[in-house]
């Protein structure tokens, strides 16, 4: 007996959002939200640490309609999550 399996994958490429002007609920201000990689570079921590802080809601962030996480740079600058 032979069983065959065929799969098909659709890959969609879109331009990655690096920053966007958006309302930060926690700050109560319009901010230029940044990509997690930029936040990690500014904070001097790993990208994983940034995502850990996002998951713990210790950084201000939004999620775009495309599913990108963007972070408020003021929460990174304050260093509130990196004591």
N, C-alpha and C. Protein backbone atom coordinates (compact mmCIF):
# COMPACT_ATOMS: atom_id res chain seq x y z
N UNK A 1 0.84 -1.17 0.00
CA UNK A 1 0.00 0.00 0.00
C UNK A 1 0.89 1.24 0.00
N UNK A 2 0.60 2.17 -0.87
CA UNK A 2 1.31 3.45 -0.94
C UNK A 2 0.31 4.57 -0.70
N UNK A 3 0.73 5.51 0.13
CA UNK A 3 -0.09 6.68 0.38
C UNK A 3 0.70 7.90 -0.06
N UNK A 4 0.12 8.70 -0.88
CA UNK A 4 0.78 9.93 -1.34
C UNK A 4 0.11 11.15 -0.72
N UNK A 5 0.91 12.17 -0.55
CA UNK A 5 0.40 13.40 0.04
C UNK A 5 0.91 14.57 -0.78
N UNK A 6 0.02 15.36 -1.25
CA UNK A 6 0.39 16.56 -1.97
C UNK A 6 0.03 17.77 -1.13
N UNK A 7 0.94 18.71 -1.08
CA UNK A 7 0.65 19.94 -0.35
C UNK A 7 0.87 21.12 -1.26
N UNK A 8 0.25 22.19 -0.92
CA UNK A 8 0.40 23.41 -1.68
C UNK A 8 0.52 24.54 -0.68
N UNK A 9 1.46 25.41 -0.90
CA UNK A 9 1.68 26.51 0.02
C UNK A 9 1.63 27.81 -0.76
N UNK A 10 0.92 28.77 -0.19
CA UNK A 10 0.84 30.10 -0.78
C UNK A 10 1.64 31.03 0.13
N UNK A 11 2.60 31.71 -0.45
CA UNK A 11 3.41 32.65 0.31
C UNK A 11 3.11 34.04 -0.20
N UNK A 12 2.80 34.91 0.71
CA UNK A 12 2.49 36.29 0.36
C UNK A 12 3.54 37.21 0.96
N UNK A 13 4.13 38.05 0.15
CA UNK A 13 5.12 38.99 0.63
C UNK A 13 4.51 40.38 0.64
N UNK A 14 4.64 41.04 1.77
CA UNK A 14 4.16 42.41 1.87
C UNK A 14 5.28 43.25 2.45
N UNK A 15 5.20 44.50 2.21
CA UNK A 15 6.20 45.42 2.75
C UNK A 15 6.04 45.49 4.26
N UNK A 16 7.13 45.29 4.99
CA UNK A 16 7.09 45.33 6.43
C UNK A 16 7.01 46.76 6.93
N UNK A 17 6.13 46.96 7.88
CA UNK A 17 5.96 48.28 8.47
C UNK A 17 7.06 48.48 9.50
N UNK A 18 7.82 49.57 9.38
CA UNK A 18 8.88 49.87 10.34
C UNK A 18 8.39 50.81 11.44
N UNK A 19 7.53 51.72 11.09
CA UNK A 19 6.95 52.61 12.08
C UNK A 19 5.67 53.19 11.52
N UNK A 20 4.83 53.65 12.43
CA UNK A 20 3.57 54.24 12.02
C UNK A 20 3.13 55.20 13.12
N UNK A 21 2.51 56.29 12.72
CA UNK A 21 1.94 57.22 13.69
C UNK A 21 0.65 56.59 14.21
N UNK A 22 0.55 56.48 15.53
CA UNK A 22 -0.64 55.87 16.11
C UNK A 22 -0.86 56.40 17.53
N UNK A 23 -2.05 56.23 18.01
CA UNK A 23 -2.41 56.65 19.35
C UNK A 23 -1.94 55.60 20.35
N UNK A 24 -1.15 56.02 21.32
CA UNK A 24 -0.72 55.13 22.41
C UNK A 24 -1.69 55.33 23.56
N UNK A 25 -2.49 54.33 23.85
CA UNK A 25 -3.50 54.44 24.91
C UNK A 25 -2.84 54.68 26.27
N UNK A 26 -1.73 54.01 26.51
CA UNK A 26 -1.07 54.13 27.81
C UNK A 26 -0.48 55.52 28.03
N UNK A 27 0.08 56.12 26.98
CA UNK A 27 0.65 57.47 27.08
C UNK A 27 -0.42 58.55 26.95
N UNK A 28 -1.49 58.20 26.23
CA UNK A 28 -2.53 59.18 25.95
C UNK A 28 -2.08 60.20 24.93
N UNK A 29 -1.17 59.78 24.02
CA UNK A 29 -0.61 60.69 23.01
C UNK A 29 -0.44 59.97 21.68
N UNK A 30 -0.38 60.79 20.62
CA UNK A 30 -0.03 60.29 19.30
C UNK A 30 1.48 60.06 19.29
N UNK A 31 1.92 58.90 18.85
CA UNK A 31 3.34 58.56 18.84
C UNK A 31 3.73 57.89 17.52
N UNK A 32 5.01 57.96 17.21
CA UNK A 32 5.52 57.16 16.10
C UNK A 32 5.92 55.82 16.69
N UNK A 33 5.10 54.81 16.50
CA UNK A 33 5.33 53.48 17.04
C UNK A 33 6.42 52.79 16.21
N UNK A 34 7.30 52.04 16.87
CA UNK A 34 8.46 51.43 16.20
C UNK A 34 8.37 49.91 16.22
N UNK A 35 9.11 49.30 15.30
CA UNK A 35 9.17 47.86 15.18
C UNK A 35 9.94 47.27 16.38
N UNK A 36 9.63 46.07 16.81
CA UNK A 36 10.33 45.46 17.95
C UNK A 36 11.85 45.41 17.80
N UNK A 37 12.35 45.22 16.59
CA UNK A 37 13.80 45.19 16.38
C UNK A 37 14.43 46.54 16.73
N UNK A 38 13.76 47.62 16.36
CA UNK A 38 14.23 48.96 16.69
C UNK A 38 14.16 49.17 18.20
N UNK A 39 13.10 48.70 18.82
CA UNK A 39 12.96 48.82 20.28
C UNK A 39 14.08 48.07 21.00
N UNK A 40 14.42 46.89 20.51
CA UNK A 40 15.50 46.10 21.11
C UNK A 40 16.83 46.82 20.98
N UNK A 41 17.08 47.41 19.82
CA UNK A 41 18.33 48.15 19.60
C UNK A 41 18.41 49.36 20.54
N UNK A 42 17.31 50.08 20.68
CA UNK A 42 17.30 51.26 21.56
C UNK A 42 17.49 50.88 23.02
N UNK A 43 16.91 49.76 23.43
CA UNK A 43 16.97 49.35 24.83
C UNK A 43 18.24 48.57 25.15
N UNK A 44 18.93 48.10 24.10
CA UNK A 44 20.14 47.30 24.32
C UNK A 44 19.84 45.92 24.87
N UNK A 45 18.69 45.35 24.44
CA UNK A 45 18.30 44.02 24.88
C UNK A 45 18.00 43.16 23.65
N UNK A 46 17.76 41.89 23.88
CA UNK A 46 17.45 40.98 22.77
C UNK A 46 16.03 41.20 22.27
N UNK A 47 15.80 40.78 21.05
CA UNK A 47 14.46 40.84 20.48
C UNK A 47 13.50 39.98 21.30
N UNK A 48 13.98 38.84 21.76
CA UNK A 48 13.15 37.96 22.60
C UNK A 48 12.72 38.68 23.87
N UNK A 49 13.62 39.47 24.46
CA UNK A 49 13.28 40.22 25.67
C UNK A 49 12.18 41.23 25.38
N UNK A 50 12.23 41.86 24.22
CA UNK A 50 11.18 42.80 23.83
C UNK A 50 9.84 42.07 23.73
N UNK A 51 9.81 40.92 23.05
CA UNK A 51 8.57 40.17 22.93
C UNK A 51 8.08 39.68 24.29
N UNK A 52 8.98 39.32 25.18
CA UNK A 52 8.60 38.90 26.52
C UNK A 52 7.90 40.05 27.25
N UNK A 53 8.47 41.26 27.11
CA UNK A 53 7.89 42.43 27.74
C UNK A 53 6.53 42.79 27.12
N UNK A 54 6.40 42.60 25.82
CA UNK A 54 5.12 42.84 25.15
C UNK A 54 4.07 41.85 25.69
N UNK A 55 4.44 40.57 25.75
CA UNK A 55 3.52 39.54 26.25
C UNK A 55 3.09 39.82 27.69
N UNK A 56 3.99 40.41 28.47
CA UNK A 56 3.68 40.73 29.87
C UNK A 56 2.99 42.10 30.00
N UNK A 57 2.74 42.76 28.88
CA UNK A 57 2.13 44.10 28.83
C UNK A 57 2.94 45.12 29.62
N UNK A 58 4.26 44.97 29.57
CA UNK A 58 5.15 45.91 30.26
C UNK A 58 5.67 47.00 29.33
N UNK A 59 5.42 46.85 28.04
CA UNK A 59 5.72 47.89 27.05
C UNK A 59 4.40 48.30 26.41
N UNK A 60 4.32 49.55 26.02
CA UNK A 60 3.15 50.03 25.29
C UNK A 60 3.27 49.53 23.85
N UNK A 61 2.20 48.96 23.32
CA UNK A 61 2.27 48.45 21.95
C UNK A 61 0.89 48.45 21.31
N UNK A 62 0.90 48.34 19.98
CA UNK A 62 -0.32 48.15 19.20
C UNK A 62 -0.07 46.99 18.26
N UNK A 63 -1.13 46.43 17.73
CA UNK A 63 -1.01 45.41 16.70
C UNK A 63 -1.73 45.94 15.47
N UNK A 64 -1.03 45.96 14.33
CA UNK A 64 -1.62 46.47 13.10
C UNK A 64 -2.61 45.47 12.53
N UNK A 65 -3.38 45.91 11.55
CA UNK A 65 -4.34 45.02 10.89
C UNK A 65 -3.63 43.85 10.21
N UNK A 66 -2.38 44.07 9.83
CA UNK A 66 -1.60 43.00 9.18
C UNK A 66 -0.97 42.05 10.19
N UNK A 67 -1.11 42.34 11.48
CA UNK A 67 -0.56 41.46 12.51
C UNK A 67 0.81 41.87 13.04
N UNK A 68 1.33 43.02 12.60
CA UNK A 68 2.62 43.49 13.10
C UNK A 68 2.46 44.09 14.48
N UNK A 69 3.42 43.86 15.34
CA UNK A 69 3.48 44.49 16.65
C UNK A 69 4.34 45.74 16.51
N UNK A 70 3.84 46.87 16.96
CA UNK A 70 4.60 48.11 16.98
C UNK A 70 4.59 48.65 18.40
N UNK A 71 5.74 49.16 18.83
CA UNK A 71 5.95 49.54 20.22
C UNK A 71 6.12 51.04 20.35
N UNK A 72 5.55 51.58 21.42
CA UNK A 72 5.69 53.00 21.72
C UNK A 72 7.11 53.24 22.25
N UNK A 73 7.88 54.07 21.58
CA UNK A 73 9.26 54.29 22.00
C UNK A 73 9.40 54.94 23.37
N UNK A 74 8.35 55.63 23.83
CA UNK A 74 8.47 56.25 25.16
C UNK A 74 8.54 55.19 26.25
N UNK A 75 7.86 54.06 26.08
CA UNK A 75 7.93 53.00 27.08
C UNK A 75 9.30 52.32 27.07
N UNK A 76 9.94 52.32 25.90
CA UNK A 76 11.29 51.77 25.80
C UNK A 76 12.28 52.77 26.41
N UNK A 77 12.11 54.06 26.09
CA UNK A 77 13.02 55.11 26.58
C UNK A 77 12.95 55.22 28.10
N UNK A 78 11.78 55.02 28.66
CA UNK A 78 11.62 55.11 30.10
C UNK A 78 12.32 53.95 30.80
N UNK A 79 12.58 52.89 30.03
CA UNK A 79 13.27 51.75 30.61
C UNK A 79 12.46 51.04 31.67
N UNK A 80 11.14 51.27 31.66
CA UNK A 80 10.31 50.72 32.71
C UNK A 80 10.37 49.20 32.77
N UNK A 81 10.63 48.56 31.65
CA UNK A 81 10.61 47.10 31.62
C UNK A 81 11.99 46.48 31.80
N UNK A 82 13.01 47.29 31.90
CA UNK A 82 14.36 46.74 31.86
C UNK A 82 15.16 47.03 33.13
N UNK A 83 14.51 47.09 34.27
CA UNK A 83 15.21 47.35 35.54
C UNK A 83 16.02 46.15 35.96
